[in-house]
Amino acid sequence: MSHQGPQRNEQTEIDDWMKVLDRLPFVGAVKRDLTALRRLLYDRRAPRVVVVGARPAGRMALANGLLSAVAFGPDGAAPPARDGDWVRVDADGRRLDWLELPARPDVVEVARRALDESLPDVVVAMVDATRAAEDAKPAADAAKALVDYL
């Protein structure tokens, strides 16, 4: 669930201040600066993370760790991650766009639609430590194919 209470109150307060500024002469530059600051604070986009690996490789644990919250799993706020679809996560105001991909040769085809929608900020290849010998090469190859495509 998304928690919007304090952020909404802050945004309302800023809106009220902007209305006051509209009534004062010679404040156009100040208003422009405040508008730019507001965009930085409230309209910034969530980081986009692509994770490539075999199941289970700790992909959900990584997302939960990045957000310092349980975003995925039984008590999570996000819908279950599906290979090839972006999941927009908002865990108590901490946001993340998350894309899980299988470590297989056709990974670019699986990801094409999602990658055409939004480019990632980072691509992470993950392997389960107990299966590193078997999973490392397919994960690395899939990550390389994605980076080459991007």
C-alpha atoms as a PDB file:
ATOM      1  CA  MET A   1       0.000   0.000   0.000  1.00  0.00           C
ATOM      2  CA  SER A   2       1.156   3.508  -0.656  1.00  0.00           C
ATOM      3  CA  HIS A   3       1.451   5.951   2.217  1.00  0.00           C
ATOM      4  CA  GLN A   4       0.725   9.470   0.942  1.00  0.00           C
ATOM      5  CA  GLY A   5      -0.312  11.390   4.084  1.00  0.00           C
ATOM      6  CA  PRO A   6       2.740  13.580   4.950  1.00  0.00           C
ATOM      7  CA  GLN A   7       3.738  14.023   1.312  1.00  0.00           C
ATOM      8  CA  ARG A   8       0.226  15.191   0.405  1.00  0.00           C
ATOM      9  CA  ASN A   9       0.191  17.690   3.279  1.00  0.00           C
ATOM     10  CA  GLU A  10       3.583  19.090   2.198  1.00  0.00           C
ATOM     11  CA  GLN A  11       2.389  19.351  -1.386  1.00  0.00           C
ATOM     12  CA  THR A  12      -0.789  21.179  -0.291  1.00  0.00           C
ATOM     13  CA  GLU A  13       1.302  23.590   1.759  1.00  0.00           C
ATOM     14  CA  ILE A  14       3.516  24.326  -1.237  1.00  0.00           C
ATOM     15  CA  ASP A  15       0.429  24.891  -3.403  1.00  0.00           C
ATOM     16  CA  ASP A  16      -0.818  27.424  -0.840  1.00  0.00           C
ATOM     17  CA  TRP A  17       2.515  29.270  -0.869  1.00  0.00           C
ATOM     18  CA  MET A  18       2.455  29.370  -4.683  1.00  0.00           C
ATOM     19  CA  LYS A  19      -0.972  31.053  -4.556  1.00  0.00           C
ATOM     20  CA  VAL A  20       0.410  33.682  -2.161  1.00  0.00           C
ATOM     21  CA  LEU A  21       3.348  34.319  -4.498  1.00  0.00           C
ATOM     22  CA  ASP A  22       0.928  34.890  -7.392  1.00  0.00           C
ATOM     23  CA  ARG A  23      -0.409  37.940  -5.521  1.00  0.00           C
ATOM     24  CA  LEU A  24       2.993  39.555  -4.911  1.00  0.00           C
ATOM     25  CA  PRO A  25       4.690  41.801  -7.485  1.00  0.00           C
ATOM     26  CA  PHE A  26       8.127  40.943  -8.943  1.00  0.00           C
ATOM     27  CA  VAL A  27       8.225  37.335  -7.784  1.00  0.00           C
ATOM     28  CA  GLY A  28       8.268  35.587 -11.157  1.00  0.00           C
ATOM     29  CA  ALA A  29      11.887  34.417 -10.742  1.00  0.00           C
ATOM     30  CA  VAL A  30      11.233  33.147  -7.225  1.00  0.00           C
ATOM     31  CA  LYS A  31       8.174  31.266  -8.421  1.00  0.00           C
ATOM     32  CA  ARG A  32      10.128  29.685 -11.285  1.00  0.00           C
ATOM     33  CA  ASP A  33      12.820  28.564  -8.832  1.00  0.00           C
ATOM     34  CA  LEU A  34      10.220  27.117  -6.463  1.00  0.00           C
ATOM     35  CA  THR A  35       8.517  25.311  -9.336  1.00  0.00           C
ATOM     36  CA  ALA A  36      11.835  23.767 -10.388  1.00  0.00           C
ATOM     37  CA  LEU A  37      12.554  22.752  -6.786  1.00  0.00           C
ATOM     38  CA  ARG A  38       9.102  21.237  -6.484  1.00  0.00           C
ATOM     39  CA  ARG A  39       9.688  19.141  -9.600  1.00  0.00           C
ATOM     40  CA  LEU A  40      12.943  17.852  -8.132  1.00  0.00           C
ATOM     41  CA  LEU A  41      11.300  16.929  -4.842  1.00  0.00           C
ATOM     42  CA  TYR A  42       7.975  15.489  -5.959  1.00  0.00           C
ATOM     43  CA  ASP A  43       8.150  14.596  -9.618  1.00  0.00           C
ATOM     44  CA  ARG A  44      11.438  12.699  -9.720  1.00  0.00           C
ATOM     45  CA  ARG A  45      11.164   9.286 -11.247  1.00  0.00           C
ATOM     46  CA  ALA A  46      11.842   6.027  -9.538  1.00  0.00           C
ATOM     47  CA  PRO A  47      15.075   4.197 -10.357  1.00  0.00           C
ATOM     48  CA  ARG A  48      14.639   1.410 -12.897  1.00  0.00           C
ATOM     49  CA  VAL A  49      16.310  -1.900 -12.107  1.00  0.00           C
ATOM     50  CA  VAL A  50      16.508  -4.956 -14.362  1.00  0.00           C
ATOM     51  CA  VAL A  51      17.463  -8.209 -12.667  1.00  0.00           C
ATOM     52  CA  VAL A  52      18.468 -11.256 -14.709  1.00  0.00           C
ATOM     53  CA  GLY A  53      18.773 -14.677 -13.139  1.00  0.00           C
ATOM     54  CA  ALA A  54      17.323 -18.087 -12.531  1.00  0.00           C
ATOM     55  CA  ARG A  55      14.654 -18.605  -9.898  1.00  0.00           C
ATOM     56  CA  PRO A  56      15.320 -18.634  -6.990  1.00  0.00           C
ATOM     57  CA  ALA A  57      18.366 -16.375  -6.990  1.00  0.00           C
ATOM     58  CA  GLY A  58      17.351 -13.851  -4.345  1.00  0.00           C
ATOM     59  CA  ARG A  59      15.829 -11.328  -6.755  1.00  0.00           C
ATOM     60  CA  MET A  60      12.962 -10.457  -4.399  1.00  0.00           C
ATOM     61  CA  ALA A  61      15.333 -10.197  -1.453  1.00  0.00           C
ATOM     62  CA  LEU A  62      17.427  -7.725  -3.481  1.00  0.00           C
ATOM     63  CA  ALA A  63      14.380  -5.542  -4.201  1.00  0.00           C
ATOM     64  CA  ASN A  64      13.324  -5.641  -0.554  1.00  0.00           C
ATOM     65  CA  GLY A  65      16.857  -4.701   0.480  1.00  0.00           C
ATOM     66  CA  LEU A  66      17.089  -1.803  -1.969  1.00  0.00           C
ATOM     67  CA  LEU A  67      13.832  -0.395  -0.640  1.00  0.00           C
ATOM     68  CA  SER A  68      14.553  -1.191   3.022  1.00  0.00           C
ATOM     69  CA  ALA A  69      11.028  -2.595   3.088  1.00  0.00           C
ATOM     70  CA  VAL A  70       9.152  -5.762   2.264  1.00  0.00           C
ATOM     71  CA  ALA A  71       7.955  -4.866  -1.226  1.00  0.00           C
ATOM     72  CA  PHE A  72       7.758  -8.390  -2.617  1.00  0.00           C
ATOM     73  CA  GLY A  73       6.696 -11.552  -0.901  1.00  0.00           C
ATOM     74  CA  PRO A  74       3.738 -12.536   1.283  1.00  0.00           C
ATOM     75  CA  ASP A  75       3.624  -9.221   3.170  1.00  0.00           C
ATOM     76  CA  GLY A  76       4.699  -7.015   0.263  1.00  0.00           C
ATOM     77  CA  ALA A  77       3.072  -3.959  -1.265  1.00  0.00           C
ATOM     78  CA  ALA A  78       3.882  -4.819  -4.885  1.00  0.00           C
ATOM     79  CA  PRO A  79       2.166  -7.294  -7.150  1.00  0.00           C
ATOM     80  CA  PRO A  80       4.181 -10.429  -7.865  1.00  0.00           C
ATOM     81  CA  ALA A  81       6.994  -9.734 -10.307  1.00  0.00           C
ATOM     82  CA  ARG A  82       6.514 -11.435 -13.680  1.00  0.00           C
ATOM     83  CA  ASP A  83       9.300 -12.056 -16.159  1.00  0.00           C
ATOM     84  CA  GLY A  84       9.241  -9.362 -18.835  1.00  0.00           C
ATOM     85  CA  ASP A  85       6.886  -6.859 -17.149  1.00  0.00           C
ATOM     86  CA  TRP A  86       7.837  -3.702 -15.265  1.00  0.00           C
ATOM     87  CA  VAL A  87       6.472  -3.650 -11.724  1.00  0.00           C
ATOM     88  CA  ARG A  88       6.008  -0.220 -10.173  1.00  0.00           C
ATOM     89  CA  VAL A  89       6.727  -0.495  -6.463  1.00  0.00           C
ATOM     90  CA  ASP A  90       5.868   2.086  -3.816  1.00  0.00           C
ATOM     91  CA  ALA A  91       6.813   0.815  -0.364  1.00  0.00           C
ATOM     92  CA  ASP A  92       6.037   3.552   2.146  1.00  0.00           C
ATOM     93  CA  GLY A  93       7.140   6.287  -0.264  1.00  0.00           C
ATOM     94  CA  ARG A  94      10.263   4.481  -1.476  1.00  0.00           C
ATOM     95  CA  ARG A  95       9.769   3.861  -5.169  1.00  0.00           C
ATOM     96  CA  LEU A  96      11.351   1.472  -7.609  1.00  0.00           C
ATOM     97  CA  ASP A  97      10.561   0.253 -11.112  1.00  0.00           C
ATOM     98  CA  TRP A  98      11.497  -3.429 -11.209  1.00  0.00           C
ATOM     99  CA  LEU A  99      11.890  -5.803 -14.167  1.00  0.00           C
ATOM    100  CA  GLU A 100      12.734  -9.482 -13.680  1.00  0.00           C
ATOM    101  CA  LEU A 101      14.087 -11.488 -16.580  1.00  0.00           C
ATOM    102  CA  PRO A 102      15.039 -15.137 -16.984  1.00  0.00           C
ATOM    103  CA  ALA A 103      18.655 -16.040 -17.709  1.00  0.00           C
ATOM    104  CA  ARG A 104      18.107 -17.606 -21.110  1.00  0.00           C
ATOM    105  CA  PRO A 105      19.224 -16.988 -24.702  1.00  0.00           C
ATOM    106  CA  ASP A 106      15.976 -15.262 -25.810  1.00  0.00           C
ATOM    107  CA  VAL A 107      16.067 -12.726 -22.942  1.00  0.00           C
ATOM    108  CA  VAL A 108      16.022  -9.754 -25.330  1.00  0.00           C
ATOM    109  CA  GLU A 109      12.794 -10.987 -26.924  1.00  0.00           C
ATOM    110  CA  VAL A 110      11.229 -11.472 -23.479  1.00  0.00           C
ATOM    111  CA  ALA A 111      12.294  -7.946 -22.464  1.00  0.00           C
ATOM    112  CA  ARG A 112      11.800  -6.029 -25.733  1.00  0.00           C
ATOM    113  CA  ARG A 113       8.340  -4.621 -24.974  1.00  0.00           C
ATOM    114  CA  ALA A 114       9.311  -3.505 -21.460  1.00  0.00           C
ATOM    115  CA  LEU A 115      12.629  -2.018 -22.617  1.00  0.00           C
ATOM    116  CA  ASP A 116      10.892  -0.115 -25.405  1.00  0.00           C
ATOM    117  CA  GLU A 117       8.585   1.356 -22.738  1.00  0.00           C
ATOM    118  CA  SER A 118      11.385   2.427 -20.335  1.00  0.00           C
ATOM    119  CA  LEU A 119      15.153   2.089 -20.286  1.00  0.00           C
ATOM    120  CA  PRO A 120      16.736   0.731 -17.101  1.00  0.00           C
ATOM    121  CA  ASP A 121      19.262   2.551 -14.949  1.00  0.00           C
ATOM    122  CA  VAL A 122      21.037  -0.666 -14.034  1.00  0.00           C
ATOM    123  CA  VAL A 123      21.125  -4.310 -15.138  1.00  0.00           C
ATOM    124  CA  VAL A 124      21.997  -6.847 -12.433  1.00  0.00           C
ATOM    125  CA  ALA A 125      22.843 -10.513 -13.073  1.00  0.00           C
ATOM    126  CA  MET A 126      22.065 -12.693 -10.043  1.00  0.00           C
ATOM    127  CA  VAL A 127      22.803 -16.304  -9.225  1.00  0.00           C
ATOM    128  CA  ASP A 128      22.005 -18.474  -6.242  1.00  0.00           C
ATOM    129  CA  ALA A 129      25.280 -19.120  -4.420  1.00  0.00           C
ATOM    130  CA  THR A 130      24.475 -22.829  -4.139  1.00  0.00           C
ATOM    131  CA  ARG A 131      24.072 -23.056  -7.932  1.00  0.00           C
ATOM    132  CA  ALA A 132      26.726 -20.548  -9.020  1.00  0.00           C
ATOM    133  CA  ALA A 133      28.606 -23.082 -11.177  1.00  0.00           C
ATOM    134  CA  GLU A 134      25.506 -23.829 -13.271  1.00  0.00           C
ATOM    135  CA  ASP A 135      23.818 -20.397 -13.244  1.00  0.00           C
ATOM    136  CA  ALA A 136      26.682 -17.897 -13.611  1.00  0.00           C
ATOM    137  CA  LYS A 137      27.324 -18.264 -17.350  1.00  0.00           C
ATOM    138  CA  PRO A 138      23.652 -18.119 -18.453  1.00  0.00           C
ATOM    139  CA  ALA A 139      23.049 -15.066 -16.209  1.00  0.00           C
ATOM    140  CA  ALA A 140      26.168 -13.289 -17.478  1.00  0.00           C
ATOM    141  CA  ASP A 141      25.317 -14.110 -21.116  1.00  0.00           C
ATOM    142  CA  ALA A 142      21.737 -12.849 -20.693  1.00  0.00           C
ATOM    143  CA  ALA A 143      22.923  -9.639 -19.001  1.00  0.00           C
ATOM    144  CA  LYS A 144      25.465  -9.053 -21.784  1.00  0.00           C
ATOM    145  CA  ALA A 145      22.783  -9.590 -24.450  1.00  0.00           C
ATOM    146  CA  LEU A 146      20.582  -7.000 -22.709  1.00  0.00           C
ATOM    147  CA  VAL A 147      23.378  -4.461 -22.401  1.00  0.00           C
ATOM    148  CA  ASP A 148      24.300  -4.990 -26.076  1.00  0.00           C
ATOM    149  CA  TYR A 149      20.647  -4.442 -27.033  1.00  0.00           C
ATOM    150  CA  LEU A 150      20.418  -1.293 -24.942  1.00  0.00           C
END
